[in-house]
Protein backbone atom coordinates (compact mmCIF):
# COMPACT_ATOMS: atom_id res chain seq x y z
CA ALA A 1 -66.87 236.30 74.66
CA LYS A 2 -66.84 235.46 70.95
CA ASP A 3 -69.16 238.37 70.15
CA ALA A 4 -66.96 240.77 72.06
CA ASP A 5 -64.03 240.05 69.76
CA THR A 6 -65.86 240.88 66.54
CA LYS A 7 -67.36 244.00 68.11
CA SER A 8 -64.15 245.15 69.77
CA ASN A 9 -62.89 247.29 66.90
CA LYS A 10 -66.19 249.10 66.50
CA THR A 11 -66.69 249.93 70.15
CA GLY A 12 -63.03 250.60 70.81
CA ILE A 13 -62.85 247.97 73.53
CA VAL A 14 -59.55 246.14 73.88
CA THR A 15 -59.48 242.60 75.28
CA LEU A 16 -56.84 241.18 77.59
CA GLU A 17 -55.27 239.26 74.70
CA GLU A 18 -55.16 242.39 72.54
CA LEU A 19 -53.56 244.29 75.39
CA LYS A 20 -50.87 241.63 75.79
CA ALA A 21 -50.04 241.97 72.09
CA ALA A 22 -50.07 245.78 72.37
CA ILE A 23 -47.50 245.69 75.18
CA ARG A 24 -45.01 244.21 72.71
CA ASP A 25 -45.87 246.74 69.98
CA PRO A 26 -43.80 249.94 70.32
CA SER A 27 -46.15 251.84 67.99
CA ILE A 28 -49.03 251.52 70.49
CA LEU A 29 -49.20 253.82 73.52
CA ILE A 30 -50.77 252.40 76.69
CA ILE A 31 -51.88 255.12 79.10
CA ASP A 32 -52.89 254.27 82.66
CA VAL A 33 -55.17 257.08 83.88
CA ARG A 34 -55.20 256.11 87.58
CA GLN A 35 -53.64 258.31 90.26
CA PRO A 36 -49.91 257.67 90.91
CA SER A 37 -50.71 256.54 94.46
CA GLU A 38 -52.93 253.77 93.08
CA LEU A 39 -50.12 252.54 90.85
CA GLN A 40 -47.75 252.38 93.81
CA GLU A 41 -50.24 250.16 95.63
CA THR A 42 -50.99 247.80 92.75
CA GLY A 43 -48.23 247.85 90.19
CA VAL A 44 -48.40 248.80 86.53
CA ILE A 45 -49.12 247.26 83.17
CA PRO A 46 -45.76 246.77 81.40
CA ASN A 47 -44.75 249.52 78.95
CA SER A 48 -47.60 251.77 80.03
CA ILE A 49 -47.23 255.42 80.99
CA ASN A 50 -49.21 257.12 83.74
CA VAL A 51 -51.21 260.23 82.82
CA PRO A 52 -53.89 260.69 85.50
CA LEU A 53 -57.36 261.36 84.14
CA ASP A 54 -57.53 264.84 85.66
CA ILE A 55 -54.55 266.07 83.60
CA LEU A 56 -55.13 263.96 80.48
CA LYS A 57 -56.88 266.63 78.43
CA TYR A 58 -54.27 269.25 79.33
CA THR A 59 -51.43 266.84 78.54
CA LEU A 60 -52.80 265.82 75.14
CA THR A 61 -53.73 269.39 74.23
CA HIS A 62 -50.97 271.60 75.63
CA GLN A 63 -47.88 269.60 76.54
CA SER A 64 -45.19 270.02 73.91
CA ARG A 65 -43.79 266.98 72.12
CA GLN A 66 -40.43 267.62 73.75
CA ALA A 67 -41.84 267.91 77.26
CA PHE A 68 -43.95 264.79 76.73
CA LEU A 69 -40.91 262.83 75.55
CA GLN A 70 -38.83 264.02 78.51
CA GLN A 71 -41.51 263.19 81.05
CA TYR A 72 -42.78 259.87 79.69
CA LYS A 73 -39.82 258.63 77.60
CA ARG A 74 -42.27 258.05 74.75
CA GLU A 75 -43.22 260.06 71.68
CA LYS A 76 -46.34 262.17 72.17
CA PRO A 77 -49.17 260.46 70.27
CA ASP A 78 -50.62 262.03 67.14
CA CYS A 79 -54.10 261.54 65.71
CA HIS A 80 -53.04 258.26 64.06
CA THR A 81 -51.40 256.70 67.12
CA THR A 82 -53.24 253.77 68.66
CA ILE A 83 -53.75 254.71 72.32
CA ILE A 84 -55.09 252.19 74.81
CA PHE A 85 -56.43 253.63 78.05
CA SER A 86 -56.46 251.60 81.23
CA CYS A 87 -57.58 252.21 84.82
CA ARG A 88 -58.78 250.05 87.70
CA SER A 89 -62.09 248.78 86.39
CA GLY A 90 -62.65 250.39 82.99
CA LYS A 91 -64.74 253.42 84.03
CA ARG A 92 -62.09 256.14 83.98
CA SER A 93 -60.46 254.65 80.90
CA ALA A 94 -63.80 254.88 79.06
CA GLU A 95 -63.94 258.55 80.02
CA ALA A 96 -60.32 259.00 78.91
CA ARG A 97 -61.13 257.42 75.56
CA SER A 98 -63.98 259.84 74.92
CA ILE A 99 -61.76 262.80 75.88
CA ALA A 100 -59.11 261.60 73.41
CA LEU A 101 -61.67 260.95 70.65
CA ASN A 102 -63.04 264.47 71.11
CA LEU A 103 -59.50 265.82 70.70
CA GLY A 104 -59.15 263.98 67.38
CA TYR A 105 -57.24 260.88 68.52
CA ARG A 106 -59.24 258.54 66.30
CA GLN A 107 -57.44 255.38 67.41
CA ALA A 108 -58.21 255.78 71.10
CA LYS A 109 -59.32 252.52 72.73
CA ASN A 110 -60.35 251.33 76.17
CA TYR A 111 -58.94 248.28 77.94
CA ALA A 112 -62.24 247.72 79.73
CA GLY A 113 -61.00 244.92 81.99
CA GLY A 114 -58.67 247.34 83.72
CA TRP A 115 -56.18 246.52 86.44
CA LEU A 116 -58.66 244.17 88.14
CA GLU A 117 -58.73 241.83 85.15
CA TRP A 118 -54.98 242.20 84.53
CA GLU A 119 -54.13 241.31 88.12
CA ALA A 120 -56.53 238.35 88.20
CA ASN A 121 -54.86 237.04 85.05
CA LEU A 122 -51.38 237.49 86.54
CA GLN A 123 -52.34 235.40 89.54
CA LYS A 124 -53.76 232.69 87.28
CA SER A 125 -50.56 232.43 85.27
CA ASN A 126 -48.22 232.25 88.27
């Protein structure tokens, strides 16, 4: 796992430890791209917002700052905002990251472990 840490910034992969730090950092936006029904079944990563993958591009492109703030209680990200995408296993969040990068969100990252890793870690720490 040592290699993964040094590579993480280049490939845009966020580790579990980095995610835990990001949760406490109000300047970082964590977006869970799973469907709302999945979140109801599993739970959510603290301080994350839920923008399902199928509306992500529309939301980032067309939703006004005001509407975004009203809906998600967070400022809409700009091209400098660090955004960490999360899903169940890292597949959809990788897709979300490439959508965001294509839209000019240069600090888009992927929490590749996804909910599966997060939940496994929760059970370990209990």
